Amino acid sequence: MSKKQSNKSLISSYPNWFYLPAIITFGIFFILPTISSFYYSLTRWTIFDATFIGFENYEAFLSDPMLSIGLKNTFIYAVLTSGLKTIIALPVAVLLTSGIRFKGFYRSVVFFPVLISTIAIGITFSMMMQPHTGLINVALSSIGLPMVDWLGNPSLALYSVVLVDVWQGLGIATVIYMGGILAIPQDYFDAVKLDGGFWIKFRHVIIPLVQNSTFTVIILSFIGGLRSFDLIWAMTGGGPGFASDVLTSIIYKQYQAGFYGLSTAGNVILFLMVTILVFPLKAYFDRKELDV
């Protein structure tokens, strides 16, 4: 091989070296911990040693009587948070991309909760939702409405956390929708001006042309709902009783009790569950995108 050919080969392969930092980072912070988790889920381990016990951790985790409650609450939480964010964020994004005054300020207000620590939000709302002294119930009482035990009522606790989650995550969903709306060519809006008002524009232009944004919001919100832990733990700790326990809080309680192998098996099950649910959903949305 001539020197000229050697230099040409080196130049053509040079850009591939840019992948190396990402590959190393991905391997260290994702591949290795994932493989380690699968291994340690098959052991009874402590910080100092690990004893291989096969699938005993999985059998114990799947036979936990609280698992059915945790799975049900996890699905309810994921479906409600993703659905509400999708339904609310689109009209908010339409409003914030319209010609209203001070829309820069309103955009900041909608996005601001995203910037706050989830734990801080959980603690703040748990105080605001206190049955007798909380700001929300004080406000309800001042206008003659009955006070509500938002977090102490087993029938309401999970749904109260859902509302706070939607409030905090609405900013991300709105930004995704705003990007989709602003990417629509103005010609489409000009064309429907002759056919009708806002509803025609919303129904026949915005909704179809932000379909990809809708898929993105649903996927991200659904994954976040399945994996949610910090807000639930900060507001209810899985209570009252086990009313708001989700899969992640059950795993954490097992870790607190010193059952490290058992909690690791729970994490592996959660990882597999998210993968099994999300990949078919994403594949379905990808096919729908091709049909647009």
Protein backbone atom coordinates (compact mmCIF):
# COMPACT_ATOMS: atom_id res chain seq x y z
CA MET A 1 0.00 0.00 0.00
CA SER A 2 1.40 3.41 -1.02
CA LYS A 3 1.84 6.25 1.42
CA LYS A 4 -0.94 8.18 -0.32
CA GLN A 5 -3.37 5.26 0.04
CA SER A 6 -2.38 4.80 3.69
CA ASN A 7 -3.05 8.46 4.47
CA LYS A 8 -6.41 8.28 2.63
CA SER A 9 -7.42 5.20 4.67
CA LEU A 10 -6.44 6.92 7.91
CA ILE A 11 -8.43 10.03 7.00
CA SER A 12 -11.53 8.01 6.05
CA SER A 13 -11.48 6.11 9.35
CA TYR A 14 -10.57 9.11 11.51
CA PRO A 15 -14.17 10.25 12.27
CA ASN A 16 -14.88 6.85 13.85
CA TRP A 17 -12.58 7.77 16.73
CA PHE A 18 -15.13 10.36 17.80
CA TYR A 19 -17.39 7.49 18.86
CA LEU A 20 -14.80 6.16 21.34
CA PRO A 21 -15.51 8.52 24.30
CA ALA A 22 -19.25 7.84 24.02
CA ILE A 23 -18.67 4.07 23.78
CA ILE A 24 -16.37 4.08 26.83
CA THR A 25 -18.78 6.23 28.85
CA PHE A 26 -21.76 4.07 27.86
CA GLY A 27 -19.86 0.90 28.72
CA ILE A 28 -18.72 2.13 32.15
CA PHE A 29 -21.97 3.73 33.28
CA PHE A 30 -24.55 1.45 31.64
CA ILE A 31 -23.26 -1.86 30.27
CA LEU A 32 -21.09 -2.82 33.26
CA PRO A 33 -23.67 -1.85 35.95
CA THR A 34 -26.39 -3.68 34.01
CA ILE A 35 -24.36 -6.87 33.74
CA SER A 36 -23.39 -6.58 37.42
CA SER A 37 -27.03 -6.15 38.40
CA PHE A 38 -28.01 -9.32 36.57
CA TYR A 39 -25.24 -11.22 38.35
CA TYR A 40 -25.91 -9.84 41.85
CA SER A 41 -29.63 -10.52 41.47
CA LEU A 42 -28.66 -14.21 41.52
CA THR A 43 -26.76 -13.87 44.81
CA ARG A 44 -27.29 -13.08 48.46
CA TRP A 45 -24.81 -10.26 48.78
CA THR A 46 -23.48 -7.68 51.19
CA ILE A 47 -20.77 -5.09 50.77
CA PHE A 48 -18.13 -7.70 51.63
CA ASP A 49 -19.25 -10.94 49.97
CA ALA A 50 -21.79 -12.58 47.67
CA THR A 51 -23.21 -16.12 47.74
CA PHE A 52 -24.72 -17.51 44.55
CA ILE A 53 -28.31 -18.71 45.16
CA GLY A 54 -29.72 -18.94 41.64
CA PHE A 55 -33.25 -17.65 41.08
CA GLU A 56 -34.30 -17.63 44.75
CA ASN A 57 -34.43 -13.82 44.82
CA TYR A 58 -36.75 -13.76 41.82
CA GLU A 59 -39.01 -16.39 43.37
CA ALA A 60 -39.16 -14.45 46.64
CA PHE A 61 -39.81 -11.12 44.90
CA LEU A 62 -42.54 -12.50 42.63
CA SER A 63 -44.24 -14.21 45.58
CA ASP A 64 -44.32 -10.98 47.64
CA PRO A 65 -48.01 -10.32 48.45
CA MET A 66 -47.42 -6.58 47.95
CA LEU A 67 -46.23 -7.06 44.37
CA SER A 68 -49.73 -7.08 42.90
CA ILE A 69 -50.54 -3.77 44.62
CA GLY A 70 -47.25 -2.26 43.46
CA LEU A 71 -47.74 -3.38 39.85
CA LYS A 72 -51.32 -2.08 39.75
CA ASN A 73 -50.31 1.28 41.19
CA THR A 74 -47.33 1.51 38.85
CA PHE A 75 -49.50 1.04 35.76
CA ILE A 76 -52.16 3.45 37.05
CA TYR A 77 -49.51 6.05 37.81
CA ALA A 78 -47.74 5.68 34.43
CA VAL A 79 -50.94 5.75 32.37
CA LEU A 80 -52.48 8.72 34.22
CA THR A 81 -49.34 10.88 34.24
CA SER A 82 -48.54 10.26 30.58
CA GLY A 83 -52.16 10.70 29.50
CA LEU A 84 -52.76 13.92 31.46
CA LYS A 85 -49.49 15.49 30.36
CA THR A 86 -50.34 14.75 26.74
CA ILE A 87 -53.90 16.09 26.99
CA ILE A 88 -53.00 19.27 28.91
CA ALA A 89 -49.69 20.16 27.28
CA LEU A 90 -51.00 20.45 23.71
CA PRO A 91 -53.56 23.25 24.32
CA VAL A 92 -51.06 25.00 26.61
CA ALA A 93 -48.44 24.84 23.83
CA VAL A 94 -50.97 26.19 21.32
CA LEU A 95 -51.68 29.11 23.66
CA LEU A 96 -47.98 29.81 24.24
CA THR A 97 -47.22 29.86 20.50
CA SER A 98 -50.13 32.18 19.70
CA GLY A 99 -50.04 35.97 19.64
CA ILE A 100 -50.89 36.50 23.31
CA ARG A 101 -49.05 39.21 25.23
CA PHE A 102 -46.34 38.33 27.77
CA LYS A 103 -46.05 34.80 26.36
CA GLY A 104 -42.36 34.77 27.31
CA PHE A 105 -43.38 35.20 30.94
CA TYR A 106 -46.06 32.50 30.68
CA ARG A 107 -43.56 30.11 29.10
CA SER A 108 -41.23 30.66 32.06
CA VAL A 109 -44.06 30.02 34.53
CA VAL A 110 -45.02 26.73 32.82
CA PHE A 111 -41.42 25.51 32.64
CA PHE A 112 -40.31 26.69 36.08
CA PRO A 113 -41.44 23.54 38.03
CA VAL A 114 -39.11 21.42 35.88
CA LEU A 115 -36.14 23.27 37.36
CA ILE A 116 -37.07 22.54 40.98
CA SER A 117 -35.81 19.44 42.78
CA THR A 118 -38.43 16.69 42.80
CA ILE A 119 -37.77 16.02 46.49
CA ALA A 120 -38.29 19.70 47.30
CA ILE A 121 -41.58 19.67 45.39
CA GLY A 122 -42.69 16.50 47.18
CA ILE A 123 -41.95 17.92 50.63
CA THR A 124 -43.60 21.25 49.78
CA PHE A 125 -46.81 19.67 48.48
CA SER A 126 -46.96 17.18 51.34
CA MET A 127 -47.10 20.22 53.67
CA MET A 128 -49.59 22.04 51.46
CA MET A 129 -51.85 18.97 51.41
CA GLN A 130 -52.00 18.52 55.20
CA PRO A 131 -55.63 17.81 56.18
CA HIS A 132 -56.10 20.71 58.62
CA THR A 133 -53.24 23.16 58.28
CA GLY A 134 -52.27 22.73 54.63
CA LEU A 135 -52.59 25.72 52.33
CA ILE A 136 -54.84 23.88 49.88
CA ASN A 137 -57.39 22.86 52.52
CA VAL A 138 -57.27 26.29 54.15
CA ALA A 139 -58.11 27.79 50.75
CA LEU A 140 -60.94 25.30 50.23
CA SER A 141 -62.32 26.02 53.68
CA SER A 142 -62.24 29.78 53.07
CA ILE A 143 -64.66 29.44 50.16
CA GLY A 144 -66.97 27.03 51.97
CA LEU A 145 -65.72 23.76 50.46
CA PRO A 146 -64.93 20.70 52.64
CA MET A 147 -61.37 19.88 53.56
CA VAL A 148 -59.86 16.82 51.87
CA ASP A 149 -57.34 14.39 53.33
CA TRP A 150 -55.29 14.30 50.14
CA LEU A 151 -52.45 12.05 51.33
CA GLY A 152 -54.06 10.29 54.30
CA ASN A 153 -57.01 8.83 52.39
CA PRO A 154 -56.01 5.49 50.78
CA SER A 155 -58.39 6.18 47.89
CA LEU A 156 -56.86 9.58 47.09
CA ALA A 157 -53.15 9.38 47.98
CA LEU A 158 -51.86 7.96 44.69
CA TYR A 159 -53.99 10.31 42.60
CA SER A 160 -52.84 13.31 44.63
CA VAL A 161 -49.23 12.45 43.76
CA VAL A 162 -50.26 12.01 40.12
CA LEU A 163 -51.56 15.60 40.02
CA VAL A 164 -48.31 16.95 41.45
CA ASP A 165 -46.27 14.88 38.97
CA VAL A 166 -48.32 16.26 36.06
CA TRP A 167 -47.85 19.83 37.35
CA GLN A 168 -44.08 19.38 37.54
CA GLY A 169 -43.64 17.53 34.24
CA LEU A 170 -46.00 19.68 32.17
CA GLY A 171 -43.18 22.04 31.20
CA ILE A 172 -41.17 19.40 29.32
CA ALA A 173 -44.23 18.14 27.45
CA THR A 174 -45.23 21.70 26.56
CA VAL A 175 -41.76 22.51 25.20
CA ILE A 176 -41.84 19.39 23.01
CA TYR A 177 -45.24 20.40 21.63
CA MET A 178 -44.12 24.00 21.10
CA GLY A 179 -41.22 22.74 19.01
CA GLY A 180 -43.62 20.68 16.91
CA ILE A 181 -46.06 23.58 16.41
CA LEU A 182 -43.34 26.09 15.52
CA ALA A 183 -41.99 23.64 12.91
CA ILE A 184 -45.30 23.62 11.00
CA PRO A 185 -44.96 25.72 7.82
CA GLN A 186 -47.04 28.91 7.89
CA ASP A 187 -48.59 27.94 4.55
CA TYR A 188 -50.76 25.34 6.29
CA PHE A 189 -52.20 27.93 8.66
CA ASP A 190 -52.80 30.35 5.80
CA ALA A 191 -54.65 27.67 3.85
CA VAL A 192 -57.18 26.93 6.60
CA LYS A 193 -57.99 30.58 7.23
CA LEU A 194 -60.45 30.37 4.37
CA ASP A 195 -62.21 27.32 5.83
CA GLY A 196 -62.89 28.36 9.39
CA GLY A 197 -61.56 29.53 12.72
CA PHE A 198 -59.44 28.18 15.50
CA TRP A 199 -61.07 24.77 15.80
CA ILE A 200 -60.49 23.95 12.12
CA LYS A 201 -56.83 24.95 12.47
CA PHE A 202 -56.45 22.93 15.65
CA ARG A 203 -58.26 19.83 14.38
CA HIS A 204 -56.97 19.63 10.83
CA VAL A 205 -53.50 21.20 11.03
CA ILE A 206 -52.01 21.18 14.52
CA ILE A 207 -53.14 17.77 15.80
CA PRO A 208 -52.05 15.79 12.69
CA LEU A 209 -48.76 17.65 12.20
CA VAL A 210 -47.60 17.40 15.83
CA GLN A 211 -48.25 13.66 15.90
CA ASN A 212 -44.54 12.91 16.27
CA SER A 213 -44.38 15.27 19.25
CA THR A 214 -47.36 13.46 20.78
CA PHE A 215 -45.56 10.12 20.43
CA THR A 216 -42.46 11.58 22.09
CA VAL A 217 -44.43 12.99 25.03
CA ILE A 218 -46.28 9.71 25.57
CA ILE A 219 -43.12 7.58 25.47
CA LEU A 220 -41.06 9.82 27.78
CA SER A 221 -43.92 10.34 30.25
CA PHE A 222 -44.81 6.64 30.30
CA ILE A 223 -41.21 5.60 31.00
CA GLY A 224 -40.95 8.25 33.71
CA GLY A 225 -44.19 7.05 35.27
CA LEU A 226 -43.06 3.42 35.37
CA ARG A 227 -39.78 4.41 37.03
CA SER A 228 -41.12 7.13 39.33
CA PHE A 229 -39.96 6.96 42.93
CA ASP A 230 -38.68 10.20 44.45
CA LEU A 231 -41.92 12.19 44.30
CA ILE A 232 -44.02 9.31 45.66
CA TRP A 233 -41.55 8.61 48.44
CA ALA A 234 -41.25 12.27 49.44
CA MET A 235 -45.03 12.77 49.57
CA THR A 236 -46.42 9.49 50.95
CA GLY A 237 -43.60 6.98 51.52
CA GLY A 238 -45.88 4.47 49.81
CA GLY A 239 -48.66 5.07 52.33
CA PRO A 240 -51.05 5.31 53.91
CA GLY A 241 -50.42 1.65 54.51
CA PHE A 242 -49.52 0.37 51.05
CA ALA A 243 -52.08 2.47 49.14
CA SER A 244 -49.54 4.39 47.04
CA ASP A 245 -46.78 1.79 46.89
CA VAL A 246 -45.34 1.35 43.40
CA LEU A 247 -42.75 -1.15 42.21
CA THR A 248 -39.84 1.21 42.91
CA SER A 249 -40.94 1.90 46.50
CA ILE A 250 -41.31 -1.83 47.17
CA ILE A 251 -37.76 -2.35 45.88
CA TYR A 252 -36.49 0.47 48.09
CA LYS A 253 -38.18 -0.94 51.20
CA GLN A 254 -36.47 -4.28 50.57
CA TYR A 255 -33.14 -2.50 50.25
CA GLN A 256 -33.80 -0.64 53.53
CA ALA A 257 -34.47 -3.98 55.22
CA GLY A 258 -31.06 -5.28 54.11
CA PHE A 259 -32.31 -7.65 51.38
CA TYR A 260 -29.85 -6.36 48.80
CA GLY A 261 -30.03 -9.34 46.46
CA LEU A 262 -33.83 -9.28 46.59
CA SER A 263 -33.96 -5.57 45.78
CA THR A 264 -31.48 -6.07 42.93
CA ALA A 265 -33.74 -8.78 41.50
CA GLY A 266 -36.62 -6.31 41.73
CA ASN A 267 -34.61 -3.74 39.79
CA VAL A 268 -33.89 -6.29 37.07
CA ILE A 269 -37.60 -7.13 36.87
CA LEU A 270 -38.40 -3.41 36.62
CA PHE A 271 -35.82 -3.02 33.84
CA LEU A 272 -37.30 -5.94 31.91
CA MET A 273 -40.85 -4.69 32.46
CA VAL A 274 -40.05 -1.22 31.13
CA THR A 275 -38.27 -2.75 28.14
CA ILE A 276 -41.10 -5.16 27.34
CA LEU A 277 -43.73 -2.43 27.57
CA VAL A 278 -41.92 0.45 25.90
CA PHE A 279 -40.27 -1.22 22.90
CA PRO A 280 -43.54 -2.48 21.33
CA LEU A 281 -45.12 0.92 22.04
CA LYS A 282 -42.23 2.71 20.35
CA ALA A 283 -42.33 0.30 17.40
CA TYR A 284 -46.06 1.02 16.99
CA PHE A 285 -45.46 4.77 17.05
CA ASP A 286 -42.61 4.42 14.54
CA ARG A 287 -44.96 2.65 12.13
CA LYS A 288 -47.55 5.38 12.63
CA GLU A 289 -44.91 8.02 11.83
CA LEU A 290 -44.15 6.31 8.53
CA ASP A 291 -47.84 6.41 7.64
CA VAL A 292 -48.04 10.17 8.11
